[in-house]
Amino acid sequence: MATGATGQLGLALPVQGELSGTWGDTVNNGITQYTNIAIAATLTLTGDGAVTLANTTGDSSASNITSTLAGAGTVTAQFAIVRVSGTTTTKVVTGPSYSKSYIVDNASSFVVTFKASGQAGVSVAAGEKVTVYYNGTDYVKIAGTVANAAGSNTQVQFNNSGLFGASSNLTWNGTVLSTTGFTASSDSTFTSTGALSISKGTTGQRPTPASGMLRFNTTTTEFEGYNGTAWASVGGAALSNDTSTATNVFPLFANATSGTASTLFTSNAKLLYKPSTGELSSSVVNASNGIYVNSQSIAVSYTIAAGYSGMSSGPVTIASGQSVTVSSGSRWVVL
C-alpha cells in the first residue's frame, strides 16, 4: 500500500513496512516541512493575475513546496500567511474549500479578494492585515488591522456580523470597513479635544425619520433633530419673515441682550402681534418717557372696528387713495 496524505494539510501517511531507506525524505518533505509552513511560514504572491491555492504533497525526492509565485497560477495552499505585493490591480486569491485559516497581509496598493471557489469572498484593503477562515461555504474575516495615516497599524476587531451589531458601519482612518449603520448598545464617550462630525445633507436628503435623529442641514445651514413629529432646528429657532398669519401670535423675549439667550419667554395674552396687519395689542401701553409718537401721514387704509376708538396727534394727512373708516359707534379723535 502506497503512502497516503491527510485531507487538510496533505501530510504524508506512511504505511508500516514500506519506505525502506527513504522514510527520512518522506517524513521531512511530506510531514515536517508542511507542518512548519502551516504554522509559521509565509507564501509571497507578487504581480497581477488570479491565484489558486491547492494542496501539494511531499515525496522522497524533494519538497514540492513553492513559497513564491509571480503573476497568476496555482501554488501551495498549506502556508499560514499569504502576503500580496507588487500588484497594479485588484488581486483575486482562491483558497481551498475545507477547514483552513490564513493571515492575509496585503502589502500592495490595491484590494485583495480572498474567496472559496465559486463564492464572493471578502475584501482585504490595501495595507490591511487580516485573519480569514473557511466557514463551510466561503472565507470570512475574523480580525484585522488597517494602516493609519502615520503608517503604523491600529487593531480593530470585527466578525462576519460586525462587532457593533449586524451590518455595522465603521470608518477606520478613512477606510470603510462596512456599509450601513453604526449601533452602540450603551452610552458613548468621546474624549478628544477635537470635534465630532455628524451626518449632513440637504433638506431633500433627509432620511426616513425616527425620534432622536440629529443631523446638519446644508440647505438651511442649521443643526436639526427629529422630535417625533417634525424636523426642528437644534440650538436656535429658525427665523421666518411672516406677513400672512391672520391670528394673534405671542412675541418672544430673551433673558440676555448679547451672547446666547438661555431662556425665551412668551408674552402670553398680555401682548399680541398679528403679522398680516402689523397690529400690536397690549393690555396697557405705558410710555415710560411720557411721549406717544404717531406718523402725520396715514399711508395705509385702516378701519377702526366696532367697539374701538382711535386717537392721533395732528396735523394728520390721509395719503392719496387711502382712507380711514370709522365703524358705527366708534370715534377717531385728532388732537
Foldseek 3Di string as FASTA:
>chain_A
DQWFADDPQRATRHDPPDCVVQVVQSCVQRPVVLVCQLVDNEAEEAEAEEEEADADGGDSPDHPADRYDYYYDYHHQRGQEYEYAHYPEEYEYAHEQDWGKHWYADCYQYWYAYKHPPDRGDIAHHRKIFMWTRPNHMIWTAWIWHQAPVRDTDTDGATCQGPQGGQDWDADNNRTPGDDHGHHPDDDDDDDPDDDADAEEAPVPDDDADAPDWYQHPNQRFIWGDHHPDIAGPPDHDDDLDQPAADWDWDKDFPDDDDGGPDIDTPPVQWTAGNNVRDIDHPDDDDPVPDDDDDQEAAAAEEQDPPEEEEEEDDHYYDPPHYYHYDPPYYYYYD
